[in-house]
N, C-alpha and C. Protein backbone atom coordinates (compact mmCIF):
# COMPACT_ATOMS: atom_id res chain seq x y z
N MET A 1 68.17 -21.75 135.47
CA MET A 1 66.78 -20.75 134.83
C MET A 1 65.79 -21.34 133.82
N LYS A 2 66.23 -22.81 133.61
CA LYS A 2 65.40 -23.81 133.09
C LYS A 2 64.17 -24.23 133.78
N ASP A 3 64.02 -24.04 135.04
CA ASP A 3 63.36 -24.36 136.03
C ASP A 3 62.21 -23.59 136.47
N ASP A 4 62.63 -22.24 135.84
CA ASP A 4 61.47 -20.90 135.90
C ASP A 4 61.34 -20.75 134.56
N PRO A 5 60.05 -21.09 133.92
CA PRO A 5 59.82 -20.69 132.60
C PRO A 5 59.41 -19.27 132.45
N VAL A 6 58.99 -18.74 133.14
CA VAL A 6 59.19 -17.26 133.18
C VAL A 6 60.02 -16.32 133.32
N LEU A 7 61.11 -16.96 133.98
CA LEU A 7 62.66 -16.42 133.65
C LEU A 7 63.49 -16.54 132.37
N SER A 8 62.79 -17.97 131.98
CA SER A 8 63.04 -18.52 130.91
C SER A 8 63.08 -17.53 129.66
N ARG A 9 61.68 -17.75 129.59
CA ARG A 9 60.77 -16.59 128.46
C ARG A 9 61.27 -15.00 128.68
N ARG A 10 61.81 -14.33 129.77
CA ARG A 10 61.88 -12.76 129.76
C ARG A 10 63.31 -12.93 129.57
N ALA A 11 63.95 -13.96 129.20
CA ALA A 11 65.74 -13.90 129.33
C ALA A 11 65.80 -14.14 127.75
N LEU A 12 65.19 -14.88 127.32
CA LEU A 12 65.12 -15.34 125.93
C LEU A 12 64.87 -13.75 124.90
N LYS A 13 63.34 -13.29 125.80
CA LYS A 13 62.97 -11.82 125.01
C LYS A 13 64.15 -11.03 125.03
N LEU A 14 65.23 -10.56 126.01
CA LEU A 14 66.01 -9.78 126.07
C LEU A 14 67.18 -10.21 125.26
N GLU A 15 67.55 -11.24 125.04
CA GLU A 15 68.73 -11.80 124.22
C GLU A 15 67.93 -11.45 122.52
N ARG A 16 66.60 -11.41 122.57
CA ARG A 16 66.24 -11.37 121.17
C ARG A 16 66.58 -9.96 120.63
N LEU A 17 65.86 -9.00 121.69
CA LEU A 17 66.26 -7.34 121.64
C LEU A 17 67.64 -7.17 121.68
N HIS A 18 68.81 -7.61 122.49
CA HIS A 18 69.77 -7.39 122.22
C HIS A 18 70.23 -7.80 121.17
N ALA A 19 70.16 -8.85 120.38
CA ALA A 19 70.66 -9.30 119.16
C ALA A 19 70.30 -8.24 117.98
N LEU A 20 69.23 -7.56 118.31
CA LEU A 20 68.44 -6.76 117.04
C LEU A 20 68.88 -5.55 117.43
N ALA A 21 69.39 -5.19 118.95
CA ALA A 21 70.46 -3.47 118.76
C ALA A 21 71.53 -3.52 118.38
N GLU A 22 72.19 -4.99 118.33
CA GLU A 22 73.65 -4.95 117.83
C GLU A 22 73.88 -4.96 116.33
N ARG A 23 72.81 -5.23 115.92
CA ARG A 23 72.15 -5.30 114.57
C ARG A 23 72.24 -3.98 113.74
N LEU A 24 71.46 -3.34 114.88
CA LEU A 24 71.09 -2.11 114.44
C LEU A 24 72.15 -1.11 114.75
N ALA A 25 73.00 -0.99 115.66
CA ALA A 25 74.03 -0.36 115.90
C ALA A 25 75.07 -0.27 114.71
N GLU A 26 74.97 -1.98 113.98
CA GLU A 26 75.94 -1.91 113.11
C GLU A 26 75.40 -0.99 111.75
N ALA A 27 74.22 -1.22 111.60
CA ALA A 27 73.46 -0.48 110.28
C ALA A 27 73.79 1.24 110.13
N HIS A 28 73.94 1.68 111.66
CA HIS A 28 74.30 2.74 112.07
C HIS A 28 75.80 3.44 111.90
N ARG A 29 76.74 2.17 112.47
CA ARG A 29 77.69 2.49 111.54
C ARG A 29 78.38 2.22 110.74
N ARG A 30 77.70 1.80 109.94
CA ARG A 30 77.87 1.63 108.47
C ARG A 30 77.38 2.65 107.35
N ARG A 31 76.05 3.32 108.07
CA ARG A 31 75.24 4.64 107.46
C ARG A 31 76.54 5.65 107.54
N ALA A 32 77.32 5.80 109.25
CA ALA A 32 78.06 6.88 109.19
C ALA A 32 79.48 6.66 108.46
N GLU A 33 79.95 5.59 108.24
CA GLU A 33 81.05 5.23 107.34
C GLU A 33 81.00 5.60 105.87
N VAL A 34 79.87 5.14 105.42
CA VAL A 34 79.44 5.57 103.88
C VAL A 34 79.39 7.15 103.80
N GLY A 35 78.93 7.73 104.71
CA GLY A 35 79.07 9.39 105.14
C GLY A 35 80.32 9.80 104.90
N ARG A 36 81.18 9.51 105.76
CA ARG A 36 82.96 9.80 105.90
C ARG A 36 83.16 9.24 104.85
N LEU A 37 83.21 8.30 104.13
CA LEU A 37 84.06 8.18 102.72
C LEU A 37 83.11 8.99 101.61
N ARG A 38 82.05 9.26 101.65
CA ARG A 38 81.63 10.00 100.55
C ARG A 38 82.09 11.60 101.01
N GLY A 39 82.05 12.10 101.93
CA GLY A 39 82.77 13.13 102.64
C GLY A 39 84.16 12.85 102.08
N GLU A 40 85.14 12.01 102.31
CA GLU A 40 86.13 12.53 101.65
C GLU A 40 86.52 12.28 100.29
N GLY A 41 85.44 12.00 99.60
CA GLY A 41 85.41 12.03 98.08
C GLY A 41 85.81 10.58 97.84
N ARG A 42 85.80 9.85 98.60
CA ARG A 42 86.08 8.04 98.03
C ARG A 42 84.91 7.64 97.51
N PHE A 43 84.37 8.00 96.68
CA PHE A 43 82.90 7.48 96.19
C PHE A 43 83.02 5.97 95.70
N ALA A 44 84.30 5.61 95.24
CA ALA A 44 83.69 4.39 94.75
C ALA A 44 83.80 3.37 95.97
N GLU A 45 84.48 3.60 97.01
CA GLU A 45 84.50 2.65 98.35
C GLU A 45 83.22 3.35 99.08
N ALA A 46 82.59 4.40 99.01
CA ALA A 46 80.92 4.59 99.33
C ALA A 46 79.76 4.02 98.78
N ALA A 47 80.29 3.65 97.42
CA ALA A 47 78.94 3.35 96.75
C ALA A 47 79.07 1.61 97.12
N LYS A 48 80.65 1.14 97.26
CA LYS A 48 80.49 -0.31 98.00
C LYS A 48 79.48 -0.83 98.76
N LEU A 49 80.26 0.25 99.66
CA LEU A 49 79.79 -0.10 101.39
C LEU A 49 78.69 0.23 101.21
N LEU A 50 77.94 0.86 100.40
CA LEU A 50 76.46 1.41 100.76
C LEU A 50 75.79 0.23 100.01
N GLU A 51 76.33 -0.47 98.86
CA GLU A 51 75.31 -1.71 98.57
C GLU A 51 75.48 -3.02 99.63
N GLU A 52 76.60 -3.07 100.26
CA GLU A 52 76.91 -3.63 101.46
C GLU A 52 75.75 -3.59 102.52
N ALA A 53 75.79 -2.23 102.26
CA ALA A 53 74.66 -1.78 103.84
C ALA A 53 73.55 -1.76 103.24
N SER A 54 73.07 -1.52 102.04
CA SER A 54 71.55 -2.25 101.72
C SER A 54 71.16 -3.86 101.88
N ALA A 55 72.25 -4.08 101.67
CA ALA A 55 71.58 -5.61 101.89
C ALA A 55 72.02 -6.25 103.24
N THR A 56 72.22 -5.56 103.99
CA THR A 56 72.30 -5.68 105.54
C THR A 56 70.85 -5.68 106.37
N THR A 57 70.20 -4.14 105.50
CA THR A 57 69.27 -3.30 105.79
C THR A 57 68.05 -4.15 105.59
N GLU A 58 68.12 -4.98 104.41
CA GLU A 58 66.97 -5.66 104.29
C GLU A 58 67.33 -6.69 105.31
N ASP A 59 68.29 -7.27 105.62
CA ASP A 59 68.18 -8.47 106.69
C ASP A 59 67.88 -8.41 108.01
N LEU A 60 68.33 -6.91 108.07
CA LEU A 60 67.35 -6.49 109.54
C LEU A 60 66.15 -6.19 109.55
N LEU A 61 65.24 -5.70 108.34
CA LEU A 61 64.12 -5.60 108.30
C LEU A 61 63.38 -7.05 108.68
N GLY A 62 64.26 -7.92 108.19
CA GLY A 62 63.40 -9.55 108.22
C GLY A 62 63.77 -9.78 109.75
N LEU A 63 64.71 -9.39 110.37
CA LEU A 63 64.66 -9.72 111.72
C LEU A 63 63.75 -8.95 112.78
N PHE A 64 63.29 -7.71 112.26
CA PHE A 64 62.22 -6.55 112.69
C PHE A 64 61.08 -7.72 112.55
N ARG A 65 60.85 -7.76 111.49
CA ARG A 65 59.44 -8.79 111.10
C ARG A 65 59.30 -9.88 111.62
N SER A 66 60.42 -10.93 111.74
CA SER A 66 60.34 -11.89 112.36
C SER A 66 59.95 -11.87 114.07
N LEU A 67 61.09 -10.93 114.43
CA LEU A 67 60.46 -10.55 116.11
C LEU A 67 59.09 -10.35 116.04
N ALA A 68 58.62 -9.43 115.23
CA ALA A 68 57.25 -8.87 115.72
C ALA A 68 56.45 -10.04 115.22
N ASP A 69 56.64 -10.69 114.19
CA ASP A 69 55.74 -11.97 114.21
C ASP A 69 55.42 -13.05 115.52
N LEU A 70 56.88 -13.21 116.14
CA LEU A 70 56.24 -13.71 118.00
C LEU A 70 55.22 -13.06 118.12
N ASN A 71 54.77 -12.23 118.23
CA ASN A 71 53.94 -11.67 119.10
C ASN A 71 54.05 -11.84 120.83
N GLN A 72 55.24 -11.18 121.24
CA GLN A 72 55.79 -11.43 122.42
C GLN A 72 55.89 -10.24 123.14
N GLY A 73 55.03 -9.13 122.54
CA GLY A 73 55.38 -7.38 122.57
C GLY A 73 56.87 -7.14 122.57
N LEU A 74 57.80 -7.71 121.77
CA LEU A 74 58.95 -7.02 121.17
C LEU A 74 58.70 -6.01 120.78
N MET A 75 57.72 -5.68 119.88
CA MET A 75 57.61 -4.63 118.90
C MET A 75 56.43 -4.67 118.11
N ASP A 76 55.33 -3.72 117.76
CA ASP A 76 53.98 -4.08 117.02
C ASP A 76 54.51 -4.07 115.81
N ARG A 77 53.93 -5.09 115.37
CA ARG A 77 53.82 -5.63 114.04
C ARG A 77 53.49 -4.67 112.62
N ASN A 78 52.62 -3.56 112.94
CA ASN A 78 52.45 -2.51 111.97
C ASN A 78 53.39 -1.27 111.84
N GLU A 79 53.84 -1.73 112.71
CA GLU A 79 55.52 -0.62 112.82
C GLU A 79 56.44 -1.15 111.47
N VAL A 80 56.48 -1.97 111.76
CA VAL A 80 57.73 -2.42 110.54
C VAL A 80 57.25 -2.05 109.12
N PRO A 81 56.26 -2.09 108.95
CA PRO A 81 56.15 -2.06 107.32
C PRO A 81 56.26 -0.37 107.11
N GLY A 82 55.78 -0.03 107.94
CA GLY A 82 55.86 1.58 107.87
C GLY A 82 56.86 2.34 108.43
N PHE A 83 57.04 2.79 109.64
CA PHE A 83 57.60 3.70 110.05
C PHE A 83 59.29 3.22 110.09
N ILE A 84 59.39 2.16 110.81
CA ILE A 84 60.56 0.91 110.83
C ILE A 84 61.45 1.06 109.26
N THR A 85 60.63 0.41 108.80
CA THR A 85 61.06 0.29 107.14
C THR A 85 61.38 2.16 106.42
N LEU A 86 60.46 2.44 106.40
CA LEU A 86 61.04 3.67 106.06
C LEU A 86 62.09 4.61 106.91
N ARG A 87 62.03 4.53 107.95
CA ARG A 87 63.30 5.20 108.30
C ARG A 87 64.68 4.15 108.18
N LEU A 88 64.65 2.66 108.08
CA LEU A 88 66.04 2.31 108.07
C LEU A 88 66.37 2.46 106.69
N ARG A 89 65.02 2.93 105.21
CA ARG A 89 65.68 2.47 103.80
C ARG A 89 66.19 3.85 103.50
N SER A 90 65.21 4.79 104.01
CA SER A 90 65.31 6.35 103.23
C SER A 90 66.43 6.95 103.38
N TRP A 91 68.03 6.73 104.43
CA TRP A 91 68.81 6.98 103.96
C TRP A 91 70.05 6.84 102.64
N ILE A 92 69.64 5.52 102.37
CA ILE A 92 70.67 4.66 100.96
C ILE A 92 69.80 5.01 100.03
N GLU A 93 68.74 5.72 99.50
CA GLU A 93 68.40 6.36 98.55
C GLU A 93 69.05 7.82 98.19
N ASP A 94 68.94 8.48 99.48
CA ASP A 94 69.82 9.68 99.59
C ASP A 94 70.99 9.41 99.12
N GLU A 95 71.92 8.54 99.84
CA GLU A 95 73.10 8.45 99.74
C GLU A 95 73.73 8.00 98.24
N ARG A 96 72.83 7.21 97.83
CA ARG A 96 72.78 6.71 96.01
C ARG A 96 73.10 8.07 95.26
N LYS A 97 71.91 8.78 95.71
CA LYS A 97 71.70 9.69 94.61
C LYS A 97 73.17 10.85 94.76
N ALA A 98 73.02 11.01 96.54
CA ALA A 98 74.84 12.22 96.55
C ALA A 98 75.88 11.46 95.93
N ILE A 99 76.05 10.16 95.76
CA ILE A 99 77.28 9.44 95.66
C ILE A 99 77.42 9.83 94.00
N ALA A 100 76.39 9.49 93.21
CA ALA A 100 76.04 9.59 92.06
C ALA A 100 76.84 10.50 91.74
N GLU A 101 76.02 12.08 92.23
CA GLU A 101 76.28 13.58 92.01
C GLU A 101 77.15 13.93 92.45
N ARG A 102 78.17 13.17 92.78
CA ARG A 102 79.95 13.51 93.50
C ARG A 102 79.57 14.47 94.86
N LYS A 103 78.15 14.49 95.08
CA LYS A 103 78.46 15.58 96.72
C LYS A 103 79.55 14.91 97.75
N ARG A 104 79.91 15.97 98.35
CA ARG A 104 80.31 15.47 99.32
C ARG A 104 79.90 15.71 100.80
């Protein structure tokens, strides 16, 4: 593969997107877990996991930005501060509010 620069570049792009997909899947898993804990009335545990999820969401957004900055066609840089950020962050405030209000 190192003898074929086109193949190497494509493999690296695929590797980067795979890493992003894994982290995105983990973010969704955490979201589901926070919702499950809250639904069971385990508000303290849900709040703790939500704060961890909030931090990892910011890390994930950083990865989105860094991949967009590579300008390799992996994603549109203009989408990161708008739609992508909105979608990744919106649930966190909703969950904070639901946990504070003890909504199941």
